[in-house]
C-alpha atoms as a PDB file:
ATOM      1  CA  MET A   1      77.754  27.898  24.364  1.00  0.00           C
ATOM      2  CA  PRO A   2      78.731  25.219  21.752  1.00  0.00           C
ATOM      3  CA  LYS A   3      77.708  26.065  18.111  1.00  0.00           C
ATOM      4  CA  HIS A   4      75.325  23.153  17.743  1.00  0.00           C
ATOM      5  CA  ILE A   5      73.303  24.156  20.848  1.00  0.00           C
ATOM      6  CA  SER A   6      73.073  28.010  19.671  1.00  0.00           C
ATOM      7  CA  ARG A   7      72.102  26.712  16.332  1.00  0.00           C
ATOM      8  CA  LEU A   8      69.140  24.581  17.743  1.00  0.00           C
ATOM      9  CA  VAL A   9      68.023  27.560  19.921  1.00  0.00           C
ATOM     10  CA  LEU A  10      68.097  29.732  16.870  1.00  0.00           C
ATOM     11  CA  LEU A  11      65.963  27.132  14.921  1.00  0.00           C
ATOM     12  CA  LEU A  12      63.393  27.027  17.673  1.00  0.00           C
ATOM     13  CA  VAL A  13      62.991  30.683  17.790  1.00  0.00           C
ATOM     14  CA  VAL A  14      62.545  30.932  14.087  1.00  0.00           C
ATOM     15  CA  LEU A  15      59.966  28.055  14.113  1.00  0.00           C
ATOM     16  CA  GLY A  16      58.131  29.812  16.915  1.00  0.00           C
ATOM     17  CA  VAL A  17      58.128  33.198  14.973  1.00  0.00           C
ATOM     18  CA  LEU A  18      56.944  31.443  11.768  1.00  0.00           C
ATOM     19  CA  GLY A  19      54.241  29.756  13.787  1.00  0.00           C
ATOM     20  CA  TYR A  20      53.098  32.886  15.627  1.00  0.00           C
ATOM     21  CA  ALA A  21      52.986  34.670  12.195  1.00  0.00           C
ATOM     22  CA  GLY A  22      51.258  31.890  10.573  1.00  0.00           C
ATOM     23  CA  LYS A  23      48.557  31.836  13.371  1.00  0.00           C
ATOM     24  CA  GLN A  24      47.976  35.686  12.958  1.00  0.00           C
ATOM     25  CA  LEU A  25      47.978  35.524   9.191  1.00  0.00           C
ATOM     26  CA  LEU A  26      45.869  32.090   8.441  1.00  0.00           C
ATOM     27  CA  THR A  27      43.572  32.053  11.504  1.00  0.00           C
ATOM     28  CA  VAL A  28      39.944  33.769  10.818  1.00  0.00           C
ATOM     29  CA  LYS A  29      39.222  36.775  13.183  1.00  0.00           C
ATOM     30  CA  SER A  30      36.183  34.984  14.493  1.00  0.00           C
ATOM     31  CA  PHE A  31      37.872  31.790  15.806  1.00  0.00           C
ATOM     32  CA  TYR A  32      37.461  31.285  19.562  1.00  0.00           C
ATOM     33  CA  GLN A  33      34.767  34.198  19.635  1.00  0.00           C
ATOM     34  CA  PHE A  34      32.400  31.609  21.333  1.00  0.00           C
ATOM     35  CA  GLY A  35      34.845  28.763  22.108  1.00  0.00           C
ATOM     36  CA  HIS A  36      36.936  26.452  19.901  1.00  0.00           C
ATOM     37  CA  TYR A  37      35.233  27.267  16.551  1.00  0.00           C
ATOM     38  CA  ARG A  38      34.769  30.120  14.115  1.00  0.00           C
ATOM     39  CA  GLY A  39      32.211  32.726  15.491  1.00  0.00           C
ATOM     40  CA  ASP A  40      30.983  33.402  11.919  1.00  0.00           C
ATOM     41  CA  SER A  41      29.798  29.837  11.536  1.00  0.00           C
ATOM     42  CA  VAL A  42      26.970  30.904  14.067  1.00  0.00           C
ATOM     43  CA  ALA A  43      25.539  33.066  11.666  1.00  0.00           C
ATOM     44  CA  GLU A  44      25.964  30.795   8.745  1.00  0.00           C
ATOM     45  CA  ILE A  45      24.162  28.066  10.322  1.00  0.00           C
ATOM     46  CA  ALA A  46      21.313  30.361  11.363  1.00  0.00           C
ATOM     47  CA  SER A  47      20.953  31.477   7.803  1.00  0.00           C
ATOM     48  CA  ASP A  48      20.566  27.911   6.236  1.00  0.00           C
ATOM     49  CA  ARG A  49      16.841  27.255   5.418  1.00  0.00           C
ATOM     50  CA  PRO A  50      15.068  24.647   7.247  1.00  0.00           C
ATOM     51  CA  LYS A  51      15.346  21.191   5.882  1.00  0.00           C
ATOM     52  CA  PHE A  52      12.127  19.692   7.072  1.00  0.00           C
ATOM     53  CA  HIS A  53       9.012  21.771   6.478  1.00  0.00           C
ATOM     54  CA  THR A  54       6.441  19.486   8.124  1.00  0.00           C
ATOM     55  CA  PRO A  55       3.170  18.177   6.738  1.00  0.00           C
ATOM     56  CA  LYS A  56       1.534  21.425   7.166  1.00  0.00           C
ATOM     57  CA  SER A  57       3.406  22.995   4.291  1.00  0.00           C
ATOM     58  CA  CYS A  58       2.129  20.163   2.157  1.00  0.00           C
ATOM     59  CA  GLU A  59      -1.431  20.608   3.001  1.00  0.00           C
ATOM     60  CA  GLN A  60      -1.479  23.909   0.977  1.00  0.00           C
ATOM     61  CA  CYS A  61      -1.168  22.256  -2.568  1.00  0.00           C
ATOM     62  CA  HIS A  62      -2.062  18.565  -1.470  1.00  0.00           C
ATOM     63  CA  ALA A  63      -5.093  18.947   0.559  1.00  0.00           C
ATOM     64  CA  ALA A  64      -6.831  15.828  -0.393  1.00  0.00           C
ATOM     65  CA  ILE A  65      -3.766  13.700   0.376  1.00  0.00           C
ATOM     66  CA  TYR A  66      -3.059  15.469   3.531  1.00  0.00           C
ATOM     67  CA  ASP A  67      -6.658  14.754   4.668  1.00  0.00           C
ATOM     68  CA  VAL A  68      -6.100  11.034   4.001  1.00  0.00           C
ATOM     69  CA  TRP A  69      -2.884  10.902   5.911  1.00  0.00           C
ATOM     70  CA  SER A  70      -3.949  13.074   8.711  1.00  0.00           C
ATOM     71  CA  LYS A  71      -6.811  10.656   9.507  1.00  0.00           C
ATOM     72  CA  GLY A  72      -4.842   7.491   8.873  1.00  0.00           C
ATOM     73  CA  VAL A  73      -2.724   5.143  10.885  1.00  0.00           C
ATOM     74  CA  HIS A  74       0.684   7.058   9.944  1.00  0.00           C
ATOM     75  CA  ASN A  75      -0.517  10.081  11.909  1.00  0.00           C
ATOM     76  CA  ASN A  76      -1.739   8.331  15.101  1.00  0.00           C
ATOM     77  CA  PRO A  77       0.051   9.868  18.122  1.00  0.00           C
ATOM     78  CA  GLY A  78      -2.073   7.694  20.405  1.00  0.00           C
ATOM     79  CA  ILE A  79       0.060   4.539  19.412  1.00  0.00           C
ATOM     80  CA  GLY A  80       3.189   6.499  18.809  1.00  0.00           C
ATOM     81  CA  LYS A  81       3.216   6.228  15.043  1.00  0.00           C
ATOM     82  CA  ILE A  82       3.708   9.321  13.008  1.00  0.00           C
ATOM     83  CA  VAL A  83       5.300   8.952   9.631  1.00  0.00           C
ATOM     84  CA  LYS A  84       5.417  12.395   8.135  1.00  0.00           C
ATOM     85  CA  CYS A  85       5.413  13.448   4.371  1.00  0.00           C
ATOM     86  CA  GLU A  86       9.249  14.093   4.132  1.00  0.00           C
ATOM     87  CA  VAL A  87      10.359  10.563   5.671  1.00  0.00           C
ATOM     88  CA  CYS A  88       9.277   9.116   2.284  1.00  0.00           C
ATOM     89  CA  HIS A  89       9.524  12.027  -0.044  1.00  0.00           C
ATOM     90  CA  GLY A  90      12.727  13.595   1.282  1.00  0.00           C
ATOM     91  CA  ALA A  91      13.283  16.822   2.969  1.00  0.00           C
ATOM     92  CA  ALA A  92      11.762  19.712   1.067  1.00  0.00           C
ATOM     93  CA  GLY A  93      14.935  21.828   1.723  1.00  0.00           C
ATOM     94  CA  SER A  94      17.281  19.510   0.236  1.00  0.00           C
ATOM     95  CA  ARG A  95      14.717  18.682  -2.655  1.00  0.00           C
ATOM     96  CA  VAL A  96      15.809  15.178  -3.256  1.00  0.00           C
ATOM     97  CA  MET A  97      16.617  11.955  -1.576  1.00  0.00           C
ATOM     98  CA  LYS A  98      19.070  10.686  -4.046  1.00  0.00           C
ATOM     99  CA  PRO A  99      22.894  10.442  -3.317  1.00  0.00           C
ATOM    100  CA  GLY A 100      24.368  13.887  -3.982  1.00  0.00           C
ATOM    101  CA  ALA A 101      21.615  15.944  -2.417  1.00  0.00           C
ATOM    102  CA  TYR A 102      22.932  18.661  -0.674  1.00  0.00           C
ATOM    103  CA  HIS A 103      21.691  21.226   2.207  1.00  0.00           C
ATOM    104  CA  SER A 104      22.014  24.944   1.107  1.00  0.00           C
ATOM    105  CA  SER A 105      21.227  28.290   2.213  1.00  0.00           C
ATOM    106  CA  THR A 106      20.717  29.252  -1.351  1.00  0.00           C
ATOM    107  CA  GLY A 107      18.725  27.780  -4.285  1.00  0.00           C
ATOM    108  CA  THR A 108      15.098  27.129  -4.792  1.00  0.00           C
ATOM    109  CA  ASP A 109      12.843  25.153  -2.208  1.00  0.00           C
ATOM    110  CA  HIS A 110      10.026  22.787  -3.106  1.00  0.00           C
ATOM    111  CA  PRO A 111       7.668  23.437  -4.704  1.00  0.00           C
ATOM    112  CA  ASP A 112       8.865  26.264  -6.783  1.00  0.00           C
ATOM    113  CA  ASN A 113       9.579  24.428 -10.039  1.00  0.00           C
ATOM    114  CA  LEU A 114      10.727  21.199  -8.321  1.00  0.00           C
ATOM    115  CA  LYS A 115       9.344  18.105  -7.114  1.00  0.00           C
ATOM    116  CA  LEU A 116      10.226  15.574  -4.177  1.00  0.00           C
ATOM    117  CA  ASP A 117      10.784  12.085  -5.021  1.00  0.00           C
ATOM    118  CA  ILE A 118       7.846   9.492  -5.314  1.00  0.00           C
ATOM    119  CA  PRO A 119       9.393   6.338  -4.269  1.00  0.00           C
ATOM    120  CA  SER A 120       8.692   3.788  -7.087  1.00  0.00           C
ATOM    121  CA  ASP A 121       9.716   0.651  -4.968  1.00  0.00           C
ATOM    122  CA  THR A 122       7.313   0.742  -2.062  1.00  0.00           C
ATOM    123  CA  VAL A 123       8.191  -2.582  -0.914  1.00  0.00           C
ATOM    124  CA  LYS A 124      11.791  -1.712  -0.274  1.00  0.00           C
ATOM    125  CA  LEU A 125      10.367   1.556   1.485  1.00  0.00           C
ATOM    126  CA  CYS A 126       7.345  -0.046   3.677  1.00  0.00           C
ATOM    127  CA  THR A 127       9.430  -3.045   4.779  1.00  0.00           C
ATOM    128  CA  GLN A 128      11.897  -0.876   6.490  1.00  0.00           C
ATOM    129  CA  CYS A 129       9.303  -0.736   9.306  1.00  0.00           C
ATOM    130  CA  HIS A 130       6.994  -3.697   8.498  1.00  0.00           C
ATOM    131  CA  GLU A 131       9.327  -6.721   7.762  1.00  0.00           C
ATOM    132  CA  GLN A 132       8.917  -9.199  10.262  1.00  0.00           C
ATOM    133  CA  MET A 133      12.173  -9.734  12.211  1.00  0.00           C
ATOM    134  CA  PRO A 134      13.210 -10.774  15.825  1.00  0.00           C
ATOM    135  CA  GLY A 135      13.149  -8.056  18.390  1.00  0.00           C
ATOM    136  CA  ARG A 136      10.761  -5.816  16.429  1.00  0.00           C
ATOM    137  CA  PRO A 137       7.877  -4.587  18.641  1.00  0.00           C
ATOM    138  CA  ALA A 138       4.801  -6.687  18.291  1.00  0.00           C
ATOM    139  CA  GLU A 139       2.755  -3.485  18.118  1.00  0.00           C
ATOM    140  CA  GLN A 140       4.394  -2.782  14.753  1.00  0.00           C
ATOM    141  CA  LYS A 141       2.505  -4.597  11.918  1.00  0.00           C
ATOM    142  CA  GLN A 142       4.760  -6.999  10.600  1.00  0.00           C
ATOM    143  CA  ILE A 143       4.821  -9.333   7.447  1.00  0.00           C
ATOM    144  CA  VAL A 144       7.026 -11.976   6.019  1.00  0.00           C
ATOM    145  CA  VAL A 145       7.473 -10.288   2.624  1.00  0.00           C
ATOM    146  CA  ALA A 146       7.673 -13.318   0.285  1.00  0.00           C
ATOM    147  CA  ALA A 147       4.618 -14.971   1.763  1.00  0.00           C
ATOM    148  CA  HIS A 148       2.506 -11.513   1.924  1.00  0.00           C
ATOM    149  CA  ALA A 149       2.150 -10.704  -1.751  1.00  0.00           C
ATOM    150  CA  GLY A 150       5.037 -12.147  -3.596  1.00  0.00           C
ATOM    151  CA  GLU A 151       6.578  -9.473  -5.910  1.00  0.00           C
ATOM    152  CA  GLN A 152       3.639  -7.199  -5.767  1.00  0.00           C
ATOM    153  CA  GLN A 153       4.296  -3.650  -4.755  1.00  0.00           C
ATOM    154  CA  CYS A 154       2.462  -2.645  -1.398  1.00  0.00           C
ATOM    155  CA  LYS A 155       0.709   0.198  -3.391  1.00  0.00           C
ATOM    156  CA  ALA A 156      -1.164  -2.400  -5.437  1.00  0.00           C
ATOM    157  CA  CYS A 157      -3.280  -2.907  -2.389  1.00  0.00           C
ATOM    158  CA  HIS A 158      -2.761  -0.388   0.174  1.00  0.00           C
ATOM    159  CA  ASN A 159      -3.322   3.351  -0.154  1.00  0.00           C
ATOM    160  CA  VAL A 160       0.274   4.642   0.581  1.00  0.00           C
ATOM    161  CA  HIS A 161      -1.026   7.632   2.544  1.00  0.00           C
ATOM    162  CA  SER A 162      -3.200   5.606   4.809  1.00  0.00           C
ATOM    163  CA  PRO A 163      -1.920   1.998   4.496  1.00  0.00           C
ATOM    164  CA  ARG A 164      -5.026   0.425   6.303  1.00  0.00           C
ATOM    165  CA  THR A 165      -7.229   1.670   3.472  1.00  0.00           C
ATOM    166  CA  PHE A 166      -7.209  -0.343   0.265  1.00  0.00           C
ATOM    167  CA  VAL A 167      -7.094   1.038  -3.145  1.00  0.00           C
ATOM    168  CA  GLY A 168      -9.356   1.125  -5.939  1.00  0.00           C
ATOM    169  CA  ALA A 169     -12.487  -0.903  -5.581  1.00  0.00           C
ATOM    170  CA  LEU A 170     -11.179  -2.075  -2.078  1.00  0.00           C
ATOM    171  CA  ALA A 171     -11.502   1.283  -0.717  1.00  0.00           C
ATOM    172  CA  SER A 172     -14.875   0.526   0.538  1.00  0.00           C
ATOM    173  CA  THR A 173     -17.496   2.904   1.621  1.00  0.00           C
ATOM    174  CA  SER A 174     -20.206   0.284   1.978  1.00  0.00           C
ATOM    175  CA  ARG A 175     -21.942  -0.290   5.374  1.00  0.00           C
ATOM    176  CA  PRO A 176     -23.873  -3.385   6.737  1.00  0.00           C
ATOM    177  CA  GLY A 177     -27.215  -3.447   5.125  1.00  0.00           C
ATOM    178  CA  ASN A 178     -30.761  -4.659   6.064  1.00  0.00           C
ATOM    179  CA  ALA A 179     -31.092  -8.456   5.042  1.00  0.00           C
ATOM    180  CA  ALA A 180     -35.010  -8.344   5.520  1.00  0.00           C
ATOM    181  CA  ALA A 181     -35.094  -5.389   3.205  1.00  0.00           C
ATOM    182  CA  GLY A 182     -32.667  -7.010   0.798  1.00  0.00           C
ATOM    183  CA  LYS A 183     -34.772 -10.117   0.655  1.00  0.00           C
ATOM    184  CA  ALA A 184     -37.905  -8.061  -0.481  1.00  0.00           C
ATOM    185  CA  ILE A 185     -35.954  -6.950  -3.445  1.00  0.00           C
ATOM    186  CA  ALA A 186     -33.924  -9.958  -4.426  1.00  0.00           C
ATOM    187  CA  GLY A 187     -36.492 -11.510  -6.627  1.00  0.00           C
ATOM    188  CA  ASP A 188     -34.905  -9.980  -9.786  1.00  0.00           C
ATOM    189  CA  CYS A 189     -31.636 -11.594  -9.006  1.00  0.00           C
ATOM    190  CA  ALA A 190     -33.132 -15.307  -8.795  1.00  0.00           C
ATOM    191  CA  ALA A 191     -33.137 -15.672 -12.572  1.00  0.00           C
ATOM    192  CA  CYS A 192     -29.409 -15.688 -12.850  1.00  0.00           C
ATOM    193  CA  HIS A 193     -28.061 -16.230  -9.284  1.00  0.00           C
ATOM    194  CA  GLY A 194     -30.828 -18.655  -8.127  1.00  0.00           C
ATOM    195  CA  LYS A 195     -33.477 -18.172  -5.417  1.00  0.00           C
ATOM    196  CA  ALA A 196     -31.010 -18.952  -2.552  1.00  0.00           C
ATOM    197  CA  GLY A 197     -28.064 -17.375  -4.248  1.00  0.00           C
ATOM    198  CA  ILE A 198     -26.874 -20.672  -5.801  1.00  0.00           C
ATOM    199  CA  SER A 199     -26.820 -20.363  -9.469  1.00  0.00           C
ATOM    200  CA  GLU A 200     -27.902 -23.201 -11.867  1.00  0.00           C
ATOM    201  CA  ASP A 201     -25.702 -21.933 -14.578  1.00  0.00           C
ATOM    202  CA  PRO A 202     -21.989 -22.590 -13.546  1.00  0.00           C
ATOM    203  CA  ALA A 203     -20.782 -19.683 -15.720  1.00  0.00           C
ATOM    204  CA  ILE A 204     -22.627 -17.302 -13.200  1.00  0.00           C
ATOM    205  CA  PRO A 205     -21.389 -16.667  -9.720  1.00  0.00           C
ATOM    206  CA  ASN A 206     -22.881 -17.828  -6.643  1.00  0.00           C
ATOM    207  CA  LEU A 207     -23.903 -15.120  -4.127  1.00  0.00           C
ATOM    208  CA  ALA A 208     -24.914 -17.163  -1.165  1.00  0.00           C
ATOM    209  CA  GLY A 209     -22.584 -16.800   1.930  1.00  0.00           C
ATOM    210  CA  GLN A 210     -20.214 -14.282   0.131  1.00  0.00           C
ATOM    211  CA  ASN A 211     -18.675 -11.538   1.892  1.00  0.00           C
ATOM    212  CA  GLU A 212     -21.063  -8.644   2.307  1.00  0.00           C
ATOM    213  CA  ILE A 213     -19.081  -5.569   1.917  1.00  0.00           C
ATOM    214  CA  TYR A 214     -17.511  -7.286  -1.337  1.00  0.00           C
ATOM    215  CA  LEU A 215     -20.905  -7.803  -2.721  1.00  0.00           C
ATOM    216  CA  ALA A 216     -22.185  -4.541  -2.048  1.00  0.00           C
ATOM    217  CA  ASP A 217     -18.996  -2.971  -3.512  1.00  0.00           C
ATOM    218  CA  ALA A 218     -19.524  -5.222  -6.602  1.00  0.00           C
ATOM    219  CA  ILE A 219     -23.096  -3.867  -7.105  1.00  0.00           C
ATOM    220  CA  LYS A 220     -21.949  -0.288  -6.972  1.00  0.00           C
ATOM    221  CA  GLY A 221     -19.143  -1.111  -9.321  1.00  0.00           C
ATOM    222  CA  TYR A 222     -21.654  -2.040 -12.054  1.00  0.00           C
ATOM    223  CA  LYS A 223     -23.777   0.908 -11.161  1.00  0.00           C
ATOM    224  CA  LYS A 224     -20.759   3.340 -11.392  1.00  0.00           C
ATOM    225  CA  GLY A 225     -19.197   1.754 -14.488  1.00  0.00           C
ATOM    226  CA  LEU A 226     -16.314   0.390 -12.894  1.00  0.00           C
ATOM    227  CA  ARG A 227     -17.295  -3.219 -13.504  1.00  0.00           C
ATOM    228  CA  LYS A 228     -18.537  -4.252 -16.990  1.00  0.00           C
ATOM    229  CA  ASN A 229     -21.447  -6.292 -17.790  1.00  0.00           C
ATOM    230  CA  GLU A 230     -24.358  -5.366 -19.815  1.00  0.00           C
ATOM    231  CA  LEU A 231     -26.972  -7.118 -17.870  1.00  0.00           C
ATOM    232  CA  MET A 232     -25.630  -6.325 -14.608  1.00  0.00           C
ATOM    233  CA  SER A 233     -25.093  -2.624 -15.158  1.00  0.00           C
ATOM    234  CA  GLY A 234     -28.595  -2.271 -16.310  1.00  0.00           C
ATOM    235  CA  MET A 235     -29.905  -4.099 -13.292  1.00  0.00           C
ATOM    236  CA  ALA A 236     -27.728  -1.972 -10.925  1.00  0.00           C
ATOM    237  CA  LYS A 237     -28.276   1.575 -12.379  1.00  0.00           C
ATOM    238  CA  ASP A 238     -31.598   1.604 -10.670  1.00  0.00           C
ATOM    239  CA  LEU A 239     -30.429   0.576  -7.329  1.00  0.00           C
ATOM    240  CA  SER A 240     -29.589   2.993  -4.607  1.00  0.00           C
ATOM    241  CA  ASP A 241     -26.448   2.551  -2.419  1.00  0.00           C
ATOM    242  CA  ALA A 242     -28.737   1.405   0.465  1.00  0.00           C
ATOM    243  CA  ALA A 243     -30.466  -1.186  -1.591  1.00  0.00           C
ATOM    244  CA  ALA A 244     -27.122  -2.466  -2.969  1.00  0.00           C
ATOM    245  CA  GLU A 245     -26.047  -2.791   0.727  1.00  0.00           C
ATOM    246  CA  ASN A 246     -29.355  -4.549   1.724  1.00  0.00           C
ATOM    247  CA  LEU A 247     -28.946  -7.017  -1.125  1.00  0.00           C
ATOM    248  CA  ALA A 248     -25.565  -7.775  -0.002  1.00  0.00           C
ATOM    249  CA  ALA A 249     -26.785  -8.434   3.553  1.00  0.00           C
ATOM    250  CA  TYR A 250     -29.422 -11.000   2.271  1.00  0.00           C
ATOM    251  CA  PHE A 251     -27.199 -12.858   0.221  1.00  0.00           C
ATOM    252  CA  SER A 252     -24.225 -12.953   2.516  1.00  0.00           C
ATOM    253  CA  GLY A 253     -26.466 -14.472   5.170  1.00  0.00           C
ATOM    254  CA  LEU A 254     -27.575 -17.366   2.837  1.00  0.00           C
ATOM    255  CA  GLN A 255     -26.036 -20.929   3.179  1.00  0.00           C
ATOM    256  CA  CYS A 256     -23.221 -21.365   0.595  1.00  0.00           C
ATOM    257  CA  LYS A 257     -22.720 -24.541  -1.237  1.00  0.00           C
ATOM    258  CA  SER A 258     -19.435 -26.185  -2.522  1.00  0.00           C
ATOM    259  CA  ALA A 259     -19.642 -26.558  -6.358  1.00  0.00           C
ATOM    260  CA  GLN A 260     -17.987 -29.652  -6.473  1.00  0.00           C
ATOM    261  CA  ASN A 261     -17.554 -29.614 -10.278  1.00  0.00           C
ATOM    262  CA  GLY A 262     -13.914 -29.878 -10.581  1.00  0.00           C
ATOM    263  CA  GLU A 263     -11.944 -33.092 -11.301  1.00  0.00           C
ATOM    264  CA  ALA A 264      -9.984 -34.511  -8.241  1.00  0.00           C
ATOM    265  CA  LYS A 265      -6.749 -34.862 -10.045  1.00  0.00           C
ATOM    266  CA  GLU A 266      -6.931 -31.319 -11.365  1.00  0.00           C
ATOM    267  CA  ALA A 267      -7.994 -29.921  -7.947  1.00  0.00           C
ATOM    268  CA  ALA A 268      -4.849 -31.498  -6.474  1.00  0.00           C
ATOM    269  CA  ARG A 269      -2.557 -29.894  -8.835  1.00  0.00           C
ATOM    270  CA  GLY A 270      -4.552 -26.520  -8.120  1.00  0.00           C
ATOM    271  CA  GLN A 271      -3.930 -26.963  -4.544  1.00  0.00           C
ATOM    272  CA  ALA A 272      -0.129 -26.730  -5.087  1.00  0.00           C
ATOM    273  CA  LEU A 273      -0.688 -23.356  -7.024  1.00  0.00           C
ATOM    274  CA  ALA A 274      -3.289 -21.928  -4.286  1.00  0.00           C
ATOM    275  CA  ALA A 275      -0.990 -20.722  -1.842  1.00  0.00           C
ATOM    276  CA  GLN A 276      -0.354 -17.445  -3.768  1.00  0.00           C
ATOM    277  CA  CYS A 277      -3.866 -16.872  -3.560  1.00  0.00           C
ATOM    278  CA  PHE A 278      -4.437 -17.365   0.332  1.00  0.00           C
ATOM    279  CA  SER A 279      -3.010 -13.871   1.287  1.00  0.00           C
ATOM    280  CA  CYS A 280      -5.884 -12.221  -0.371  1.00  0.00           C
ATOM    281  CA  HIS A 281      -8.555 -14.934  -0.574  1.00  0.00           C
ATOM    282  CA  GLY A 282      -7.964 -16.803   2.662  1.00  0.00           C
ATOM    283  CA  ALA A 283      -6.881 -20.242   3.392  1.00  0.00           C
ATOM    284  CA  ASN A 284      -8.755 -22.614   1.320  1.00  0.00           C
ATOM    285  CA  GLY A 285     -10.689 -19.793  -0.416  1.00  0.00           C
ATOM    286  CA  ILE A 286     -12.620 -18.737   2.758  1.00  0.00           C
ATOM    287  CA  ASN A 287     -11.793 -15.117   3.161  1.00  0.00           C
ATOM    288  CA  SER A 288     -12.007 -13.034   6.321  1.00  0.00           C
ATOM    289  CA  GLN A 289     -11.288  -9.619   4.723  1.00  0.00           C
ATOM    290  CA  ALA A 290     -14.828  -8.287   4.059  1.00  0.00           C
ATOM    291  CA  MET A 291     -13.856  -6.464   1.065  1.00  0.00           C
ATOM    292  CA  TRP A 292     -12.207  -9.327  -0.783  1.00  0.00           C
ATOM    293  CA  PRO A 293     -14.292 -12.198  -2.331  1.00  0.00           C
ATOM    294  CA  SER A 294     -14.082 -15.877  -0.972  1.00  0.00           C
ATOM    295  CA  LEU A 295     -13.459 -18.328  -3.762  1.00  0.00           C
ATOM    296  CA  ALA A 296     -14.619 -21.527  -2.099  1.00  0.00           C
ATOM    297  CA  GLY A 297     -18.274 -22.142  -3.162  1.00  0.00           C
ATOM    298  CA  GLN A 298     -17.914 -20.932  -6.786  1.00  0.00           C
ATOM    299  CA  SER A 299     -18.033 -23.244  -9.832  1.00  0.00           C
ATOM    300  CA  LYS A 300     -15.006 -24.233 -11.773  1.00  0.00           C
ATOM    301  CA  ASP A 301     -16.413 -22.554 -14.920  1.00  0.00           C
ATOM    302  CA  TYR A 302     -17.018 -19.001 -13.327  1.00  0.00           C
ATOM    303  CA  LEU A 303     -13.622 -19.073 -11.616  1.00  0.00           C
ATOM    304  CA  GLN A 304     -11.744 -20.034 -14.616  1.00  0.00           C
ATOM    305  CA  SER A 305     -13.512 -17.457 -16.670  1.00  0.00           C
ATOM    306  CA  ALA A 306     -12.767 -14.721 -14.081  1.00  0.00           C
ATOM    307  CA  ILE A 307      -8.997 -15.622 -14.123  1.00  0.00           C
ATOM    308  CA  LYS A 308      -8.885 -15.388 -17.806  1.00  0.00           C
ATOM    309  CA  SER A 309     -10.970 -12.033 -17.849  1.00  0.00           C
ATOM    310  CA  TYR A 310      -8.125 -10.512 -15.655  1.00  0.00           C
ATOM    311  CA  ARG A 311      -5.776 -11.441 -18.262  1.00  0.00           C
ATOM    312  CA  ALA A 312      -7.726  -9.335 -20.788  1.00  0.00           C
ATOM    313  CA  GLU A 313     -10.281  -6.662 -19.861  1.00  0.00           C
ATOM    314  CA  ARG A 314     -11.001  -6.879 -16.245  1.00  0.00           C
ATOM    315  CA  LYS A 315      -8.715  -4.289 -14.240  1.00  0.00           C
ATOM    316  CA  ASN A 316      -7.202  -4.835 -10.896  1.00  0.00           C
ATOM    317  CA  SER A 317      -3.283  -4.326 -10.403  1.00  0.00           C
ATOM    318  CA  MET A 318      -2.948  -7.344  -8.170  1.00  0.00           C
ATOM    319  CA  MET A 319      -5.158  -9.747 -10.034  1.00  0.00           C
ATOM    320  CA  SER A 320      -4.055  -8.853 -13.358  1.00  0.00           C
ATOM    321  CA  LYS A 321      -0.366  -9.417 -12.450  1.00  0.00           C
ATOM    322  CA  VAL A 322      -1.337 -13.027 -10.867  1.00  0.00           C
ATOM    323  CA  ALA A 323      -3.547 -13.875 -13.874  1.00  0.00           C
ATOM    324  CA  LYS A 324      -0.770 -12.831 -16.415  1.00  0.00           C
ATOM    325  CA  ASP A 325       1.498 -15.523 -14.997  1.00  0.00           C
ATOM    326  CA  LEU A 326      -0.922 -18.426 -15.281  1.00  0.00           C
ATOM    327  CA  ASN A 327      -1.487 -20.387 -18.400  1.00  0.00           C
ATOM    328  CA  ASP A 328      -4.775 -22.016 -19.153  1.00  0.00           C
ATOM    329  CA  ALA A 329      -3.920 -25.249 -17.481  1.00  0.00           C
ATOM    330  CA  ASP A 330      -2.972 -23.482 -14.257  1.00  0.00           C
ATOM    331  CA  ALA A 331      -6.212 -21.399 -14.283  1.00  0.00           C
ATOM    332  CA  ALA A 332      -8.218 -24.653 -14.752  1.00  0.00           C
ATOM    333  CA  ALA A 333      -6.403 -26.188 -12.021  1.00  0.00           C
ATOM    334  CA  LEU A 334      -6.792 -23.388  -9.549  1.00  0.00           C
ATOM    335  CA  ALA A 335     -10.543 -23.126 -10.481  1.00  0.00           C
ATOM    336  CA  ALA A 336     -11.023 -26.965  -9.913  1.00  0.00           C
ATOM    337  CA  TYR A 337      -9.325 -26.677  -6.558  1.00  0.00           C
ATOM    338  CA  PHE A 338     -11.363 -23.818  -5.126  1.00  0.00           C
ATOM    339  CA  ALA A 339     -14.773 -25.252  -6.714  1.00  0.00           C
ATOM    340  CA  ASN A 340     -14.025 -28.500  -4.652  1.00  0.00           C
ATOM    341  CA  ALA A 341     -13.099 -26.635  -1.370  1.00  0.00           C
ATOM    342  CA  ALA A 342     -15.744 -26.552   1.295  1.00  0.00           C
ATOM    343  CA  CYS A 343     -17.239 -23.025   1.651  1.00  0.00           C
ATOM    344  CA  ARG A 344     -17.762 -23.330   5.367  1.00  0.00           C
END
């Protein structure tokens, strides 16, 4: 046999021996025990703690929030919508949603000395499902982000655990009242708001034709100290919730009247600014959302004063942000526009 052939055969034998020895020395003994992987990995995977602990585990410490979520639209199997706690807050087993989070069979699970993420940018989070786009199922509530609420966070209006419920004063518990019963006790309101709900003082709001639930909430707000006005707080403190609802039913059923007390040129300028108000107060200031006020039918003086008050002492996360960005001239123009708008 030629030398070069014998050397090649010897080299192949040596490589074969080295390969076999390497396989025996370097391959873990459990390899191929259950197929082409390490048998020990089965036990390792089984020992890893669960990453998602389900909403039931959250209920133990967050019963009130769990109750709101469980009754809301995000827990509605009937329409196929279930958004669980850990979708937004991250898996309890991995503890955080941030880059670098890890899954481990060791370490401390939430809630032992640790907190899950609380998303700060609700617009970015909510629009993952609710931004309007072609092909998205029509059953999924969709919005055009820029036109919906500008730069405002979703949580400024929506309860993040039950988005169809509005926050703060908008989370109404008021029910439709009895207009006849409201009329019987409305005499005390006439001195300021007028016999037919149209005030003779332009600094005082008109009640005629206003949204019923909004009016009831407002009266209750004065009673509970959520709204500040010495006269109204004194009047409201003696009213039951039912009486507040009856008064609201009475005034909401009266015929509204456009104030028509803003200058036409100023109103035209205000119309250009009013688009930012339409998403909450309705097109042209006539609102179909029962818990928010209509603006059409109010006087320029009252509307302008209200806008300024949101820049100062009046508290509402949405309105305070809007009012902060308006100068006095803008506030006057907006007030003139809505004062001249037809209320029906």
